[in-house]
Amino acid sequence: MDVHGRAIALYGRFSPGMRDRLTRDSTMLGATVARDLTRRSDILVIGALAAALIDGGAVRTRLAAARERGLVTLGERAFAAALAGSRPETSATLPLAAAHGGGLTPEDAEVRMARSGSPTGRR
């Protein structure tokens, strides 16, 4: 995935060491990284441990904003794989029980490789 000149939002809780690794790898490739979605963000990456943020509606809000703006939305493992130039074996999904408990829509519950259909482009 070419991230040069792009702004990446790393949102939520990530697996141990993963946020630091993704930040380091992204900045080495010429991207800027923020801890939350901003107006400048091009890519939204949701941490694998972000399920705790569902109940308060924070994840739903970020996903809706990203979808409205046509941003690429990835889970942490899918983003790491894309940075490495490979595709993940399966699409990441959020357990339905967690999604329904937090008021997420079925579309929100599935964070695919890329919402645009391509890991490199915006809609």
Protein backbone atom coordinates (compact mmCIF):
# COMPACT_ATOMS: atom_id res chain seq x y z
CA MET A 1 0.00 0.00 0.00
CA ASP A 2 1.38 3.38 -0.95
CA VAL A 3 0.90 5.70 2.02
CA HIS A 4 3.40 8.39 1.02
CA GLY A 5 1.89 11.82 1.67
CA ARG A 6 -1.25 10.38 3.24
CA ALA A 7 -2.64 11.01 6.72
CA ILE A 8 -3.42 7.90 8.74
CA ALA A 9 -5.67 7.82 11.80
CA LEU A 10 -4.87 4.98 14.23
CA TYR A 11 -8.00 4.83 16.37
CA GLY A 12 -8.80 2.73 19.42
CA ARG A 13 -6.85 0.15 21.38
CA PHE A 14 -4.32 -1.87 19.43
CA SER A 15 -2.63 -5.19 20.12
CA PRO A 16 0.52 -4.82 22.26
CA GLY A 17 3.24 -3.01 20.30
CA MET A 18 1.13 -2.75 17.15
CA ARG A 19 0.39 0.99 17.34
CA ASP A 20 4.10 1.77 17.65
CA ARG A 21 4.96 -0.60 14.80
CA LEU A 22 2.30 0.83 12.47
CA THR A 23 3.32 4.40 13.34
CA ARG A 24 6.99 3.64 12.68
CA ASP A 25 6.35 1.79 9.42
CA SER A 26 3.91 4.43 8.14
CA THR A 27 6.18 7.39 8.89
CA MET A 28 9.12 5.58 7.29
CA LEU A 29 6.99 5.33 4.15
CA GLY A 30 6.24 9.08 4.20
CA ALA A 31 2.85 9.18 5.91
CA THR A 32 1.70 11.26 8.84
CA VAL A 33 -0.03 9.50 11.73
CA ALA A 34 -2.62 10.76 14.23
CA ARG A 35 -4.27 9.02 17.18
CA ASP A 36 -7.80 9.85 16.01
CA LEU A 37 -9.73 10.75 12.89
CA THR A 38 -9.09 14.31 11.73
CA ARG A 39 -10.25 16.41 8.79
CA ARG A 40 -6.95 15.60 7.07
CA SER A 41 -7.20 11.82 7.50
CA ASP A 42 -7.07 9.68 4.37
CA ILE A 43 -7.09 6.27 6.05
CA LEU A 44 -8.83 5.12 9.25
CA VAL A 45 -7.30 2.13 11.03
CA ILE A 46 -9.31 0.59 13.87
CA GLY A 47 -7.36 -1.23 16.56
CA ALA A 48 -8.12 -4.91 17.20
CA LEU A 49 -9.00 -4.16 20.83
CA ALA A 50 -11.33 -1.24 20.08
CA ALA A 51 -14.45 -3.22 20.97
CA ALA A 52 -14.43 -1.52 24.39
CA LEU A 53 -15.23 1.77 22.63
CA ILE A 54 -18.40 0.48 20.99
CA ASP A 55 -20.76 1.00 23.95
CA GLY A 56 -20.13 4.75 24.06
CA GLY A 57 -20.74 5.11 20.32
CA ALA A 58 -17.21 6.29 19.55
CA VAL A 59 -16.44 3.57 17.02
CA ARG A 60 -19.81 4.04 15.28
CA THR A 61 -19.17 7.79 15.01
CA ARG A 62 -15.71 7.30 13.48
CA LEU A 63 -16.93 4.69 11.01
CA ALA A 64 -19.85 6.87 9.92
CA ALA A 65 -17.56 9.87 9.40
CA ALA A 66 -15.07 7.79 7.44
CA ARG A 67 -17.82 6.27 5.28
CA GLU A 68 -19.34 9.71 4.61
CA ARG A 69 -15.96 11.03 3.44
CA GLY A 70 -15.15 7.91 1.39
CA LEU A 71 -12.04 7.06 3.41
CA VAL A 72 -10.26 3.74 3.28
CA THR A 73 -11.14 1.92 6.54
CA LEU A 74 -9.01 -0.97 7.77
CA GLY A 75 -8.52 -3.15 10.82
CA GLU A 76 -5.04 -3.18 12.34
CA ARG A 77 -4.05 -6.57 10.88
CA ALA A 78 -5.32 -5.67 7.41
CA PHE A 79 -3.42 -2.39 7.51
CA ALA A 80 -0.20 -4.12 8.64
CA ALA A 81 -0.60 -6.63 5.80
CA ALA A 82 -1.26 -3.86 3.27
CA LEU A 83 1.85 -1.97 4.41
CA ALA A 84 3.84 -5.17 3.91
CA GLY A 85 2.40 -5.55 0.42
CA SER A 86 0.23 -8.58 1.10
CA ARG A 87 -3.47 -9.20 1.57
CA PRO A 88 -4.89 -10.67 4.76
CA GLU A 89 -6.26 -14.22 4.59
CA THR A 90 -9.78 -13.13 5.57
CA SER A 91 -11.71 -9.95 6.14
CA ALA A 92 -11.74 -8.81 9.73
CA THR A 93 -15.14 -8.72 11.35
CA LEU A 94 -16.41 -7.66 14.72
CA PRO A 95 -18.39 -10.28 16.64
CA LEU A 96 -22.09 -9.64 16.08
CA ALA A 97 -22.86 -9.68 19.81
CA ALA A 98 -20.45 -6.79 20.34
CA ALA A 99 -21.83 -4.91 17.35
CA HIS A 100 -25.48 -5.23 18.35
CA GLY A 101 -24.75 -4.29 21.95
CA GLY A 102 -23.14 -1.04 20.80
CA GLY A 103 -25.73 -0.09 18.22
CA LEU A 104 -23.47 -0.64 15.21
CA THR A 105 -25.02 -1.40 11.85
CA PRO A 106 -24.07 -4.60 10.00
CA GLU A 107 -21.90 -2.45 7.71
CA ASP A 108 -20.13 -0.93 10.72
CA ALA A 109 -19.48 -4.38 12.17
CA GLU A 110 -17.43 -5.42 9.17
CA VAL A 111 -14.18 -3.51 8.72
CA ARG A 112 -12.94 -4.81 5.39
CA MET A 113 -9.57 -4.67 3.75
CA ALA A 114 -10.70 -1.41 2.18
CA ARG A 115 -14.16 0.10 1.89
CA SER A 116 -13.29 1.45 -1.54
CA GLY A 117 -12.69 -2.08 -2.82
CA SER A 118 -9.00 -1.39 -3.22
CA PRO A 119 -6.36 -1.20 -0.50
CA THR A 120 -4.70 1.73 -2.22
CA GLY A 121 -7.42 4.16 -3.23
CA ARG A 122 -10.20 6.35 -2.01
CA ARG A 123 -13.74 6.08 -3.31
